[in-house]
Amino acid sequence: MAAPKWLCITLVRAYVKDNFVDKGMCADFAIHDKGTGNPHVHIMLTLRPLKENGQWGAKCRKAYDLDENGQRIPDGKGGWKNHREDTTDWNDKGNVEIWRAAWAAYTNRALESAGRPERIDHRSYKRQGIDKIPSVHLGPAASQMEKRGIRTDKGEVNRQIAADNKLLKEIKARITRLYRWSKAETEKPQTQQSSLTVLWETQQQLNASRTRTGKIRALQESAALFSFLQANGIQSMQQLHEKIADMNSPYYDLLGKIVKAERRIATLTERREMWEQYNQYKAIHKQLAKVKPEKREQFEQRHSRELILYDAAPRYLKELKDNGEAITPKAWQREIDQLAAGKQTDTLAMKSMLEDLKAVERLRKTAGQLSRQERDKSHDREPER
């Protein structure tokens, strides 16, 4: 369970007591903070209840299967069909959501009491309605390498996610801004609406530059706007508003594809790293098996980091196999490459959308300048009092 850096025993003790001990569980917790930027707490719980006499109760019990009339069902062998069920609901997977929500609530109360502005939320970005790609957990090893300036695969994934999130945020902000502006324009009387032709001509005048570089930039901006308007058959402010409104659909389509690809790439990257970790430290593990008993402890201390990393890898890979996943490092890499290529195409489409939005944004700014000029002229024409 991740915990804030300022984590204190009082916070964890209150959380453990209220959510576990008060339900009848025995709980033990250990706070780990080695100053590596990954403070956290481990909470260990019992699944067996305690009886009134202080002895351990049964973790599960036998329950008979019943038919539609509530009668036991014969098993054909002289007995009754039955199954095992837990004596408590402590191992129910639904508790994860409850406990995560409780941790967020306890932490946020502690943050508020400490006068800190930060807040945490146990929900995913998707559930919070946030258009943002979640980053992947680096883990202590990758975190330390990144801090020393050593770039890791997981770090690269997070850097790409950060770049994608910046692009997505900018596009969404521009769509929202242009939608509101174009909607306001279409709601004006026909005679007061900004004419695209007038805006176009005004933009050419405002962009007039004496330098060669300025002229080239102005020409490129004009060409981009002209291309966007012509490609979409836009001749009126109403048509422009409808186009901006329609941009939400491809935006969310591309967002969904990019998020899906990033998540899968993160999963496959972790699998590949674990496979490499397994092979990298396998030799150390084999050496340990050959070490004499009297020198074993010394060897384990000297190679503790390598042995810990090795032990984590086969456990991870075994869990994959137990879940029906094949250990196919080459196939993982091929899929990563395919996903990265597809995501690059989607990202280029997003960047193209951004350039279209920038072109229309310049049109909006031109409309704002015209509006200010009209107000200034009106003010100048007012008689002096």
Protein backbone atom coordinates (compact mmCIF):
# COMPACT_ATOMS: atom_id res chain seq x y z
CA MET A 1 0.00 0.00 0.00
CA ALA A 2 1.56 3.32 -1.10
CA ALA A 3 1.83 5.98 1.59
CA PRO A 4 2.82 9.68 1.67
CA LYS A 5 6.39 10.55 2.59
CA TRP A 6 5.33 12.26 5.82
CA LEU A 7 3.61 9.04 6.93
CA CYS A 8 3.33 8.70 10.71
CA ILE A 9 2.57 5.71 12.94
CA THR A 10 -0.53 7.42 14.35
CA LEU A 11 -2.22 7.56 10.94
CA VAL A 12 -1.53 3.92 10.10
CA ARG A 13 -2.48 2.72 13.57
CA ALA A 14 -5.85 4.50 13.39
CA TYR A 15 -6.53 3.13 9.91
CA VAL A 16 -5.61 -0.45 10.89
CA LYS A 17 -7.65 -0.34 14.10
CA ASP A 18 -10.82 1.07 12.54
CA ASN A 19 -10.81 -1.01 9.37
CA PHE A 20 -9.37 -4.35 10.50
CA VAL A 21 -8.99 -4.83 14.25
CA ASP A 22 -12.50 -3.56 15.01
CA LYS A 23 -13.82 -6.17 12.55
CA GLY A 24 -12.19 -8.94 14.59
CA MET A 25 -8.93 -9.37 12.66
CA CYS A 26 -5.45 -9.56 14.13
CA ALA A 27 -3.23 -7.07 12.32
CA ASP A 28 0.48 -6.36 12.12
CA PHE A 29 2.02 -3.54 10.12
CA ALA A 30 5.52 -2.47 9.15
CA ILE A 31 6.47 0.94 7.77
CA HIS A 32 9.35 1.00 5.27
CA ASP A 33 11.05 4.29 4.45
CA LYS A 34 14.66 3.97 3.34
CA GLY A 35 14.77 7.52 2.00
CA THR A 36 14.61 6.23 -1.57
CA GLY A 37 11.40 8.06 -2.46
CA ASN A 38 9.20 5.02 -1.95
CA PRO A 39 7.79 5.13 1.61
CA HIS A 40 5.09 2.52 2.16
CA VAL A 41 3.43 0.34 4.75
CA HIS A 42 2.86 -3.43 4.74
CA ILE A 43 -0.27 -4.61 6.58
CA MET A 44 -0.58 -8.30 7.44
CA LEU A 45 -3.98 -9.67 8.45
CA THR A 46 -5.45 -12.94 9.70
CA LEU A 47 -8.22 -14.81 7.92
CA ARG A 48 -9.11 -17.04 10.88
CA PRO A 49 -11.43 -15.52 13.50
CA LEU A 50 -10.74 -15.82 17.21
CA LYS A 51 -13.16 -17.72 19.43
CA GLU A 52 -14.38 -16.34 22.74
CA ASN A 53 -11.92 -18.64 24.54
CA GLY A 54 -9.02 -17.08 22.63
CA GLN A 55 -8.43 -20.05 20.33
CA TRP A 56 -8.30 -19.81 16.57
CA GLY A 57 -11.55 -20.56 14.77
CA ALA A 58 -11.95 -22.29 11.42
CA LYS A 59 -11.08 -20.35 8.27
CA CYS A 60 -13.82 -22.13 6.31
CA ARG A 61 -16.68 -24.56 6.87
CA LYS A 62 -18.60 -27.15 4.91
CA ALA A 63 -21.90 -25.97 3.43
CA TYR A 64 -24.42 -28.27 1.74
CA ASP A 65 -25.71 -27.53 -1.76
CA LEU A 66 -29.49 -27.11 -1.74
CA ASP A 67 -32.10 -27.60 -4.47
CA GLU A 68 -34.91 -25.18 -5.35
CA ASN A 69 -36.90 -26.50 -2.38
CA GLY A 70 -34.11 -25.90 0.08
CA GLN A 71 -33.32 -29.61 0.41
CA ARG A 72 -29.88 -31.23 0.37
CA ILE A 73 -28.81 -32.76 -2.93
CA PRO A 74 -27.54 -36.39 -2.92
CA ASP A 75 -24.10 -36.87 -4.44
CA GLY A 76 -24.88 -40.44 -5.61
CA LYS A 77 -22.29 -41.91 -3.26
CA GLY A 78 -24.35 -42.05 -0.11
CA GLY A 79 -23.52 -38.48 0.89
CA TRP A 80 -24.59 -34.95 0.04
CA LYS A 81 -23.19 -32.43 -2.41
CA ASN A 82 -21.35 -29.71 -0.58
CA HIS A 83 -18.81 -26.94 -0.89
CA ARG A 84 -16.54 -24.93 1.36
CA GLU A 85 -17.31 -21.36 2.31
CA ASP A 86 -15.36 -18.82 4.35
CA THR A 87 -16.45 -18.28 7.94
CA THR A 88 -15.86 -14.53 7.50
CA ASP A 89 -16.03 -12.07 4.60
CA TRP A 90 -12.50 -10.82 5.27
CA ASN A 91 -11.10 -12.43 2.11
CA ASP A 92 -13.83 -11.00 -0.12
CA LYS A 93 -12.30 -9.21 -3.13
CA GLY A 94 -14.91 -6.47 -2.75
CA ASN A 95 -13.10 -5.34 0.39
CA VAL A 96 -10.24 -3.98 -1.71
CA GLU A 97 -12.38 -1.09 -2.94
CA ILE A 98 -13.66 -0.39 0.59
CA TRP A 99 -10.18 -0.42 2.12
CA ARG A 100 -8.66 1.73 -0.63
CA ALA A 101 -11.44 4.29 -0.26
CA ALA A 102 -10.93 4.30 3.52
CA TRP A 103 -7.17 4.82 3.14
CA ALA A 104 -7.79 7.79 0.85
CA ALA A 105 -10.24 9.28 3.37
CA TYR A 106 -7.88 8.82 6.35
CA THR A 107 -4.90 10.20 4.43
CA ASN A 108 -6.80 13.23 3.16
CA ARG A 109 -8.01 14.05 6.67
CA ALA A 110 -4.43 13.85 7.92
CA LEU A 111 -3.24 16.06 5.04
CA GLU A 112 -5.93 18.62 5.81
CA SER A 113 -5.06 18.61 9.53
CA ALA A 114 -1.40 19.17 8.65
CA GLY A 115 -2.35 22.14 6.46
CA ARG A 116 -1.10 20.40 3.31
CA PRO A 117 -2.78 21.09 -0.08
CA GLU A 118 -2.20 17.59 -1.51
CA ARG A 119 -5.05 15.09 -1.75
CA ILE A 120 -5.15 11.47 -2.94
CA ASP A 121 -7.90 9.55 -4.73
CA HIS A 122 -8.14 5.76 -4.81
CA ARG A 123 -10.12 5.82 -8.06
CA SER A 124 -8.56 5.49 -11.51
CA TYR A 125 -8.38 8.52 -13.80
CA LYS A 126 -11.15 6.94 -15.89
CA ARG A 127 -13.49 6.64 -12.91
CA GLN A 128 -12.72 10.22 -11.91
CA GLY A 129 -13.59 11.40 -15.40
CA ILE A 130 -10.05 12.66 -16.00
CA ASP A 131 -8.72 12.46 -19.57
CA LYS A 132 -5.25 11.41 -18.55
CA ILE A 133 -3.08 8.33 -19.08
CA PRO A 134 -1.94 6.82 -15.76
CA SER A 135 1.80 6.40 -15.30
CA VAL A 136 3.33 3.04 -14.37
CA HIS A 137 4.78 2.25 -10.97
CA LEU A 138 8.57 2.35 -11.21
CA GLY A 139 9.39 0.31 -8.13
CA PRO A 140 12.41 0.92 -5.89
CA ALA A 141 15.06 -0.46 -8.29
CA ALA A 142 13.99 1.63 -11.30
CA SER A 143 13.41 4.68 -9.07
CA GLN A 144 16.98 4.55 -7.76
CA MET A 145 18.42 4.11 -11.24
CA GLU A 146 16.42 7.05 -12.57
CA LYS A 147 17.61 9.23 -9.66
CA ARG A 148 21.21 8.36 -10.56
CA GLY A 149 20.56 9.46 -14.13
CA ILE A 150 20.27 5.94 -15.53
CA ARG A 151 17.34 5.73 -17.92
CA THR A 152 15.14 2.64 -17.52
CA ASP A 153 12.48 1.07 -19.73
CA LYS A 154 9.76 1.92 -17.21
CA GLY A 155 11.12 5.45 -16.96
CA GLU A 156 10.94 5.78 -20.75
CA VAL A 157 7.33 4.57 -20.67
CA ASN A 158 6.48 7.21 -18.06
CA ARG A 159 8.26 9.95 -20.00
CA GLN A 160 6.25 9.05 -23.10
CA ILE A 161 3.05 8.98 -21.04
CA ALA A 162 3.87 12.46 -19.67
CA ALA A 163 4.40 13.77 -23.24
CA ASP A 164 1.14 12.17 -24.39
CA ASN A 165 -0.76 13.64 -21.44
CA LYS A 166 0.61 17.11 -22.21
CA LEU A 167 -0.53 16.80 -25.84
CA LEU A 168 -3.98 15.47 -24.87
CA LYS A 169 -4.48 18.20 -22.27
CA GLU A 170 -3.60 20.94 -24.75
CA ILE A 171 -5.94 19.55 -27.42
CA LYS A 172 -8.83 19.20 -24.99
CA ALA A 173 -8.32 22.75 -23.68
CA ARG A 174 -8.28 24.19 -27.21
CA ILE A 175 -11.39 22.25 -28.26
CA THR A 176 -13.25 23.51 -25.19
CA ARG A 177 -12.10 27.11 -25.70
CA LEU A 178 -12.96 27.14 -29.43
CA TYR A 179 -16.28 25.41 -28.86
CA ARG A 180 -17.38 28.11 -26.40
CA TRP A 181 -16.20 30.92 -28.69
CA SER A 182 -17.83 29.54 -31.85
CA LYS A 183 -21.03 28.76 -29.94
CA ALA A 184 -21.18 32.33 -28.62
CA GLU A 185 -20.63 33.64 -32.17
CA THR A 186 -23.45 31.53 -33.65
CA GLU A 187 -25.83 32.72 -30.92
CA LYS A 188 -25.35 36.34 -31.99
CA PRO A 189 -27.78 37.92 -34.49
CA GLN A 190 -26.73 37.21 -38.09
CA THR A 191 -25.67 40.81 -38.63
CA GLN A 192 -23.35 40.72 -35.58
CA GLN A 193 -21.66 37.39 -36.27
CA SER A 194 -17.99 37.44 -37.23
CA SER A 195 -17.53 36.82 -40.94
CA LEU A 196 -14.90 34.20 -41.73
CA THR A 197 -13.93 36.19 -44.82
CA VAL A 198 -13.39 39.36 -42.80
CA LEU A 199 -11.47 37.43 -40.15
CA TRP A 200 -9.32 35.84 -42.85
CA GLU A 201 -8.48 39.20 -44.46
CA THR A 202 -7.84 40.83 -41.09
CA GLN A 203 -5.50 38.01 -40.10
CA GLN A 204 -3.48 38.59 -43.28
CA GLN A 205 -3.11 42.27 -42.39
CA LEU A 206 -2.22 41.61 -38.76
CA ASN A 207 0.32 38.97 -39.76
CA ALA A 208 2.08 41.27 -42.22
CA SER A 209 5.78 41.21 -41.43
CA ARG A 210 8.83 42.94 -42.82
CA THR A 211 11.27 40.14 -42.07
CA ARG A 212 11.70 37.10 -44.30
CA THR A 213 11.23 34.73 -41.36
CA GLY A 214 8.06 36.53 -40.30
CA LYS A 215 6.64 36.43 -43.81
CA ILE A 216 7.32 32.68 -44.09
CA ARG A 217 5.64 32.02 -40.73
CA ALA A 218 2.62 34.16 -41.70
CA LEU A 219 2.34 32.30 -45.00
CA GLN A 220 2.49 28.93 -43.24
CA GLU A 221 -0.19 29.98 -40.74
CA SER A 222 -2.46 31.25 -43.50
CA ALA A 223 -1.96 28.07 -45.52
CA ALA A 224 -2.79 25.91 -42.48
CA LEU A 225 -6.04 27.78 -41.82
CA PHE A 226 -7.02 27.81 -45.51
CA SER A 227 -6.33 24.06 -45.75
CA PHE A 228 -8.44 23.32 -42.67
CA LEU A 229 -11.41 25.42 -43.82
CA GLN A 230 -11.31 24.10 -47.39
CA ALA A 231 -10.83 20.43 -46.41
CA ASN A 232 -13.90 20.60 -44.15
CA GLY A 233 -16.06 22.74 -46.45
CA ILE A 234 -16.35 25.50 -43.86
CA GLN A 235 -17.75 28.80 -45.15
CA SER A 236 -19.70 30.11 -42.18
CA MET A 237 -19.35 30.46 -38.42
CA GLN A 238 -22.13 27.90 -37.93
CA GLN A 239 -20.21 25.33 -39.98
CA LEU A 240 -17.04 26.10 -38.02
CA HIS A 241 -18.91 25.58 -34.72
CA GLU A 242 -20.30 22.25 -35.93
CA LYS A 243 -16.81 21.09 -36.94
CA ILE A 244 -15.32 22.03 -33.55
CA ALA A 245 -18.17 20.20 -31.79
CA ASP A 246 -17.54 17.11 -33.94
CA MET A 247 -13.85 17.09 -32.96
CA ASN A 248 -14.72 15.65 -29.55
CA SER A 249 -15.57 12.27 -31.07
CA PRO A 250 -12.23 11.63 -32.85
CA TYR A 251 -10.43 13.08 -29.83
CA TYR A 252 -11.94 10.51 -27.48
CA ASP A 253 -11.48 7.72 -30.04
CA LEU A 254 -7.77 8.49 -30.31
CA LEU A 255 -7.50 8.97 -26.55
CA GLY A 256 -8.98 5.51 -25.96
CA LYS A 257 -6.60 3.87 -28.44
CA ILE A 258 -3.55 5.64 -27.02
CA VAL A 259 -4.48 4.81 -23.41
CA LYS A 260 -5.08 1.15 -24.30
CA ALA A 261 -1.76 0.94 -26.12
CA GLU A 262 0.18 2.65 -23.30
CA ARG A 263 -1.28 0.32 -20.68
CA ARG A 264 -0.49 -2.78 -22.72
CA ILE A 265 3.04 -1.52 -23.46
CA ALA A 266 3.55 -0.93 -19.72
CA THR A 267 2.38 -4.47 -18.92
CA LEU A 268 4.59 -6.07 -21.58
CA THR A 269 7.56 -3.91 -20.58
CA GLU A 270 7.25 -5.14 -16.99
CA ARG A 271 7.11 -8.76 -18.18
CA ARG A 272 10.16 -8.29 -20.36
CA GLU A 273 12.08 -6.61 -17.53
CA MET A 274 11.24 -9.47 -15.18
CA TRP A 275 12.44 -11.98 -17.75
CA GLU A 276 15.71 -10.05 -18.17
CA GLN A 277 16.00 -9.77 -14.38
CA TYR A 278 15.56 -13.53 -14.05
CA ASN A 279 18.34 -14.24 -16.57
CA GLN A 280 20.65 -11.53 -15.24
CA TYR A 281 20.73 -12.87 -11.65
CA LYS A 282 20.21 -16.57 -12.32
CA ALA A 283 23.97 -17.22 -12.13
CA ILE A 284 24.17 -15.68 -8.62
CA HIS A 285 21.31 -17.89 -7.50
CA LYS A 286 23.09 -20.97 -8.87
CA GLN A 287 26.28 -19.96 -7.09
CA LEU A 288 24.36 -19.77 -3.81
CA ALA A 289 23.34 -23.42 -4.16
CA LYS A 290 27.03 -24.42 -4.38
CA VAL A 291 28.19 -22.35 -1.40
CA LYS A 292 29.13 -24.32 1.71
CA PRO A 293 26.65 -23.98 4.62
CA GLU A 294 29.13 -22.15 6.86
CA LYS A 295 29.71 -19.49 4.16
CA ARG A 296 26.11 -19.23 2.97
CA GLU A 297 25.09 -16.34 5.24
CA GLN A 298 28.12 -14.29 4.23
CA PHE A 299 27.36 -14.92 0.53
CA GLU A 300 23.70 -13.92 0.98
CA GLN A 301 24.69 -10.69 2.70
CA ARG A 302 27.21 -9.84 -0.01
CA HIS A 303 24.71 -10.51 -2.80
CA SER A 304 21.48 -9.58 -1.02
CA ARG A 305 20.30 -7.15 -3.71
CA GLU A 306 20.89 -9.58 -6.58
CA LEU A 307 19.21 -12.45 -4.72
CA ILE A 308 16.17 -10.33 -3.85
CA LEU A 309 15.77 -9.26 -7.46
CA TYR A 310 16.19 -12.84 -8.64
CA ASP A 311 13.61 -14.20 -6.17
CA ALA A 312 11.06 -11.62 -7.33
CA ALA A 313 11.46 -12.57 -11.00
CA PRO A 314 10.55 -16.30 -10.92
CA ARG A 315 7.64 -15.56 -8.56
CA TYR A 316 6.32 -13.02 -11.05
CA LEU A 317 6.83 -15.36 -14.02
CA LYS A 318 5.24 -18.29 -12.18
CA GLU A 319 2.17 -16.19 -11.44
CA LEU A 320 1.93 -15.38 -15.13
CA LYS A 321 2.05 -19.06 -16.03
CA ASP A 322 -0.51 -19.93 -13.34
CA ASN A 323 -2.84 -17.39 -14.93
CA GLY A 324 -2.47 -19.09 -18.30
CA GLU A 325 0.07 -16.68 -19.81
CA ALA A 326 2.91 -18.12 -21.87
CA ILE A 327 6.46 -16.91 -21.21
CA THR A 328 7.30 -15.53 -24.66
CA PRO A 329 9.84 -12.66 -24.41
CA LYS A 330 10.30 -12.39 -28.19
CA ALA A 331 6.54 -12.25 -28.74
CA TRP A 332 6.26 -9.60 -26.03
CA GLN A 333 8.87 -7.46 -27.80
CA ARG A 334 7.14 -7.88 -31.16
CA GLU A 335 3.84 -6.80 -29.64
CA ILE A 336 5.51 -3.80 -27.97
CA ASP A 337 6.96 -2.76 -31.34
CA GLN A 338 3.58 -3.16 -33.07
CA LEU A 339 1.76 -1.22 -30.35
CA ALA A 340 4.38 1.53 -30.41
CA ALA A 341 4.03 1.86 -34.19
CA GLY A 342 0.24 2.02 -33.97
CA LYS A 343 0.42 4.53 -31.13
CA GLN A 344 2.82 6.67 -33.15
CA THR A 345 0.23 6.82 -35.95
CA ASP A 346 -2.48 7.82 -33.48
CA THR A 347 -0.18 10.42 -31.91
CA LEU A 348 0.53 11.92 -35.34
CA ALA A 349 -3.24 12.15 -35.89
CA MET A 350 -3.52 13.94 -32.54
CA LYS A 351 -0.74 16.35 -33.50
CA SER A 352 -2.48 17.02 -36.83
CA MET A 353 -5.67 17.80 -34.89
CA LEU A 354 -3.67 20.16 -32.68
CA GLU A 355 -2.32 22.05 -35.70
CA ASP A 356 -5.89 22.47 -37.04
CA LEU A 357 -6.98 23.79 -33.66
CA LYS A 358 -4.04 26.21 -33.54
CA ALA A 359 -5.08 27.57 -36.94
CA VAL A 360 -8.64 28.19 -35.74
CA GLU A 361 -7.28 29.59 -32.47
CA ARG A 362 -5.48 32.29 -34.45
CA LEU A 363 -8.82 33.09 -36.09
CA ARG A 364 -10.41 33.44 -32.63
CA LYS A 365 -7.64 35.80 -31.53
CA THR A 366 -8.18 37.87 -34.68
CA ALA A 367 -11.90 38.13 -33.81
CA GLY A 368 -10.90 39.32 -30.35
CA GLN A 369 -8.62 41.99 -31.78
CA LEU A 370 -11.38 43.20 -34.14
CA SER A 371 -13.81 43.36 -31.24
CA ARG A 372 -11.39 45.45 -29.19
CA GLN A 373 -10.79 47.78 -32.14
CA GLU A 374 -14.55 48.28 -32.56
CA ARG A 375 -14.89 49.10 -28.86
CA ASP A 376 -12.02 51.59 -29.08
CA LYS A 377 -13.61 53.30 -32.13
CA SER A 378 -16.95 53.46 -30.36
CA HIS A 379 -15.28 55.00 -27.32
CA ASP A 380 -13.50 57.60 -29.50
CA ARG A 381 -16.80 58.58 -31.14
CA GLU A 382 -18.50 59.28 -27.81
CA PRO A 383 -19.02 63.04 -27.25
CA GLU A 384 -17.05 64.64 -24.46
CA ARG A 385 -19.05 65.67 -21.41
